[in-house]
C-alpha atoms as a PDB file:
ATOM      1  CA  UNK A   1      51.509  52.244  41.228  1.00  0.00           C
ATOM      2  CA  UNK A   2      51.356  55.272  38.930  1.00  0.00           C
ATOM      3  CA  UNK A   3      50.558  57.912  41.570  1.00  0.00           C
ATOM      4  CA  UNK A   4      51.639  55.854  44.547  1.00  0.00           C
ATOM      5  CA  UNK A   5      55.097  56.721  45.864  1.00  0.00           C
ATOM      6  CA  UNK A   6      57.559  53.865  46.283  1.00  0.00           C
ATOM      7  CA  UNK A   7      58.171  52.982  49.936  1.00  0.00           C
ATOM      8  CA  UNK A   8      61.262  50.809  49.490  1.00  0.00           C
ATOM      9  CA  UNK A   9      63.966  50.138  46.947  1.00  0.00           C
ATOM     10  CA  UNK A  10      63.882  46.858  45.016  1.00  0.00           C
ATOM     11  CA  UNK A  11      66.341  44.028  45.652  1.00  0.00           C
ATOM     12  CA  UNK A  12      68.214  44.958  42.461  1.00  0.00           C
ATOM     13  CA  UNK A  13      68.462  48.602  43.520  1.00  0.00           C
ATOM     14  CA  UNK A  14      69.639  47.592  46.985  1.00  0.00           C
ATOM     15  CA  UNK A  15      72.266  45.346  45.397  1.00  0.00           C
ATOM     16  CA  UNK A  16      73.623  48.354  43.475  1.00  0.00           C
ATOM     17  CA  UNK A  17      73.879  50.389  46.686  1.00  0.00           C
ATOM     18  CA  UNK A  18      75.464  47.454  48.503  1.00  0.00           C
ATOM     19  CA  UNK A  19      78.169  47.241  45.825  1.00  0.00           C
ATOM     20  CA  UNK A  20      78.855  50.979  46.115  1.00  0.00           C
ATOM     21  CA  UNK A  21      79.113  50.692  49.904  1.00  0.00           C
ATOM     22  CA  UNK A  22      81.355  47.617  49.780  1.00  0.00           C
ATOM     23  CA  UNK A  23      83.682  49.422  47.351  1.00  0.00           C
ATOM     24  CA  UNK A  24      83.876  52.469  49.616  1.00  0.00           C
ATOM     25  CA  UNK A  25      84.421  50.229  52.646  1.00  0.00           C
ATOM     26  CA  UNK A  26      87.328  48.413  51.009  1.00  0.00           C
ATOM     27  CA  UNK A  27      88.902  51.700  49.905  1.00  0.00           C
ATOM     28  CA  UNK A  28      88.433  53.324  53.324  1.00  0.00           C
ATOM     29  CA  UNK A  29      89.756  50.344  55.283  1.00  0.00           C
ATOM     30  CA  UNK A  30      92.830  50.234  53.068  1.00  0.00           C
ATOM     31  CA  UNK A  31      93.407  53.959  53.601  1.00  0.00           C
ATOM     32  CA  UNK A  32      92.912  53.596  57.362  1.00  0.00           C
ATOM     33  CA  UNK A  33      95.414  50.727  57.525  1.00  0.00           C
ATOM     34  CA  UNK A  34      97.938  52.830  55.611  1.00  0.00           C
ATOM     35  CA  UNK A  35      97.423  55.741  58.032  1.00  0.00           C
ATOM     36  CA  UNK A  36      97.830  53.473  61.047  1.00  0.00           C
ATOM     37  CA  UNK A  37     101.049  51.985  59.648  1.00  0.00           C
ATOM     38  CA  UNK A  38     102.397  55.449  58.870  1.00  0.00           C
ATOM     39  CA  UNK A  39     101.501  56.715  62.338  1.00  0.00           C
ATOM     40  CA  UNK A  40     103.165  53.759  64.039  1.00  0.00           C
ATOM     41  CA  UNK A  41     106.327  54.396  62.005  1.00  0.00           C
ATOM     42  CA  UNK A  42     106.259  58.073  63.012  1.00  0.00           C
ATOM     43  CA  UNK A  43     106.225  57.012  66.658  1.00  0.00           C
ATOM     44  CA  UNK A  44     109.508  55.184  66.063  1.00  0.00           C
ATOM     45  CA  UNK A  45     112.082  57.987  66.200  1.00  0.00           C
ATOM     46  CA  UNK A  46     114.921  55.740  65.180  1.00  0.00           C
ATOM     47  CA  UNK A  47     118.536  56.298  66.193  1.00  0.00           C
ATOM     48  CA  UNK A  48     119.261  59.481  64.270  1.00  0.00           C
ATOM     49  CA  UNK A  49     118.223  61.935  67.002  1.00  0.00           C
ATOM     50  CA  UNK A  50     120.541  64.843  66.345  1.00  0.00           C
ATOM     51  CA  UNK A  51     120.590  68.044  68.359  1.00  0.00           C
ATOM     52  CA  UNK A  52     120.024  71.526  66.987  1.00  0.00           C
ATOM     53  CA  UNK A  53     117.354  74.074  66.102  1.00  0.00           C
ATOM     54  CA  UNK A  54     116.378  72.327  62.886  1.00  0.00           C
ATOM     55  CA  UNK A  55     115.459  69.244  64.925  1.00  0.00           C
ATOM     56  CA  UNK A  56     113.066  71.301  67.094  1.00  0.00           C
ATOM     57  CA  UNK A  57     111.336  72.675  63.982  1.00  0.00           C
ATOM     58  CA  UNK A  58     111.145  69.197  62.478  1.00  0.00           C
ATOM     59  CA  UNK A  59     109.593  67.877  65.687  1.00  0.00           C
ATOM     60  CA  UNK A  60     106.942  70.601  65.530  1.00  0.00           C
ATOM     61  CA  UNK A  61     106.159  69.796  61.909  1.00  0.00           C
ATOM     62  CA  UNK A  62     106.085  66.085  62.700  1.00  0.00           C
ATOM     63  CA  UNK A  63     103.691  66.696  65.585  1.00  0.00           C
ATOM     64  CA  UNK A  64     101.347  68.772  63.406  1.00  0.00           C
ATOM     65  CA  UNK A  65     101.462  66.164  60.657  1.00  0.00           C
ATOM     66  CA  UNK A  66     100.803  63.380  63.161  1.00  0.00           C
ATOM     67  CA  UNK A  67      97.794  65.291  64.566  1.00  0.00           C
ATOM     68  CA  UNK A  68      96.405  65.765  61.057  1.00  0.00           C
ATOM     69  CA  UNK A  69      96.867  62.075  60.299  1.00  0.00           C
ATOM     70  CA  UNK A  70      95.185  61.133  63.594  1.00  0.00           C
ATOM     71  CA  UNK A  71      92.202  63.369  62.778  1.00  0.00           C
ATOM     72  CA  UNK A  72      91.959  61.834  59.322  1.00  0.00           C
ATOM     73  CA  UNK A  73      92.100  58.329  60.833  1.00  0.00           C
ATOM     74  CA  UNK A  74      89.277  59.218  63.270  1.00  0.00           C
ATOM     75  CA  UNK A  75      87.133  60.596  60.415  1.00  0.00           C
ATOM     76  CA  UNK A  76      87.830  57.506  58.320  1.00  0.00           C
ATOM     77  CA  UNK A  77      86.865  55.204  61.193  1.00  0.00           C
ATOM     78  CA  UNK A  78      83.588  57.103  61.643  1.00  0.00           C
ATOM     79  CA  UNK A  79      82.925  56.871  57.879  1.00  0.00           C
ATOM     80  CA  UNK A  80      83.616  53.104  57.968  1.00  0.00           C
ATOM     81  CA  UNK A  81      81.226  52.701  60.923  1.00  0.00           C
ATOM     82  CA  UNK A  82      78.524  54.631  59.041  1.00  0.00           C
ATOM     83  CA  UNK A  83      79.027  52.479  55.929  1.00  0.00           C
ATOM     84  CA  UNK A  84      78.769  49.308  58.029  1.00  0.00           C
ATOM     85  CA  UNK A  85      75.512  50.586  59.542  1.00  0.00           C
ATOM     86  CA  UNK A  86      74.223  51.290  56.022  1.00  0.00           C
ATOM     87  CA  UNK A  87      74.935  47.659  55.099  1.00  0.00           C
ATOM     88  CA  UNK A  88      72.911  46.571  58.121  1.00  0.00           C
ATOM     89  CA  UNK A  89      70.019  48.790  56.941  1.00  0.00           C
ATOM     90  CA  UNK A  90      70.173  47.107  53.521  1.00  0.00           C
ATOM     91  CA  UNK A  91      69.912  43.703  55.207  1.00  0.00           C
ATOM     92  CA  UNK A  92      66.996  44.715  57.459  1.00  0.00           C
ATOM     93  CA  UNK A  93      65.116  46.543  54.693  1.00  0.00           C
ATOM     94  CA  UNK A  94      65.285  50.108  56.013  1.00  0.00           C
ATOM     95  CA  UNK A  95      68.031  51.390  53.675  1.00  0.00           C
ATOM     96  CA  UNK A  96      67.251  54.475  51.635  1.00  0.00           C
ATOM     97  CA  UNK A  97      64.341  55.624  53.796  1.00  0.00           C
ATOM     98  CA  UNK A  98      64.678  59.087  55.346  1.00  0.00           C
ATOM     99  CA  UNK A  99      64.550  58.909  59.154  1.00  0.00           C
ATOM    100  CA  UNK A 100      62.844  62.335  59.251  1.00  0.00           C
ATOM    101  CA  UNK A 101      60.161  62.086  56.547  1.00  0.00           C
ATOM    102  CA  UNK A 102      59.852  58.325  56.000  1.00  0.00           C
ATOM    103  CA  UNK A 103      60.154  58.924  52.245  1.00  0.00           C
ATOM    104  CA  UNK A 104      62.713  57.391  49.940  1.00  0.00           C
ATOM    105  CA  UNK A 105      66.019  59.225  49.657  1.00  0.00           C
ATOM    106  CA  UNK A 106      66.848  59.937  46.016  1.00  0.00           C
ATOM    107  CA  UNK A 107      69.113  57.471  44.233  1.00  0.00           C
ATOM    108  CA  UNK A 108      71.421  60.312  43.222  1.00  0.00           C
ATOM    109  CA  UNK A 109      71.952  61.295  46.851  1.00  0.00           C
ATOM    110  CA  UNK A 110      72.513  57.696  47.936  1.00  0.00           C
ATOM    111  CA  UNK A 111      75.073  57.183  45.180  1.00  0.00           C
ATOM    112  CA  UNK A 112      77.008  60.229  46.411  1.00  0.00           C
ATOM    113  CA  UNK A 113      76.471  59.710  50.158  1.00  0.00           C
ATOM    114  CA  UNK A 114      75.596  56.014  50.480  1.00  0.00           C
ATOM    115  CA  UNK A 115      75.537  56.053  54.287  1.00  0.00           C
ATOM    116  CA  UNK A 116      73.047  58.917  54.618  1.00  0.00           C
ATOM    117  CA  UNK A 117      69.795  58.495  56.517  1.00  0.00           C
ATOM    118  CA  UNK A 118      68.372  61.868  55.472  1.00  0.00           C
ATOM    119  CA  UNK A 119      66.842  63.111  52.254  1.00  0.00           C
ATOM    120  CA  UNK A 120      68.328  66.357  50.984  1.00  0.00           C
ATOM    121  CA  UNK A 121      65.162  68.179  52.148  1.00  0.00           C
ATOM    122  CA  UNK A 122      65.505  66.827  55.682  1.00  0.00           C
ATOM    123  CA  UNK A 123      69.249  67.613  55.719  1.00  0.00           C
ATOM    124  CA  UNK A 124      68.613  71.224  54.684  1.00  0.00           C
ATOM    125  CA  UNK A 125      66.009  71.623  57.445  1.00  0.00           C
ATOM    126  CA  UNK A 126      68.655  70.651  60.026  1.00  0.00           C
ATOM    127  CA  UNK A 127      70.667  73.803  59.304  1.00  0.00           C
END
């Protein structure tokens, strides 16, 4: 196998990637739950609705903050979905193989972006 390029990662290598993905999944789900709880609390205005200009400015700031939190929650959900798909690829033996070139994605790239399906070369070609 000296000149022959590896086609798949070993079970031990896949286990390492699985652990990375599971860690990121746990972290991301926890963050998403926190965001959802915070957003649901922000929807509860409470009983201290006072009139005045400062209230209008606060409402505007609250709305902007809520939009930012919603966008973050959407991005987190997409990230979680991509991580879950990566776990499925580990189980079916296609993890770490570039969908463009069919070659193995470098370990360094997978450690940084464990849900990727593209080698860095393929990703750069997409630009």
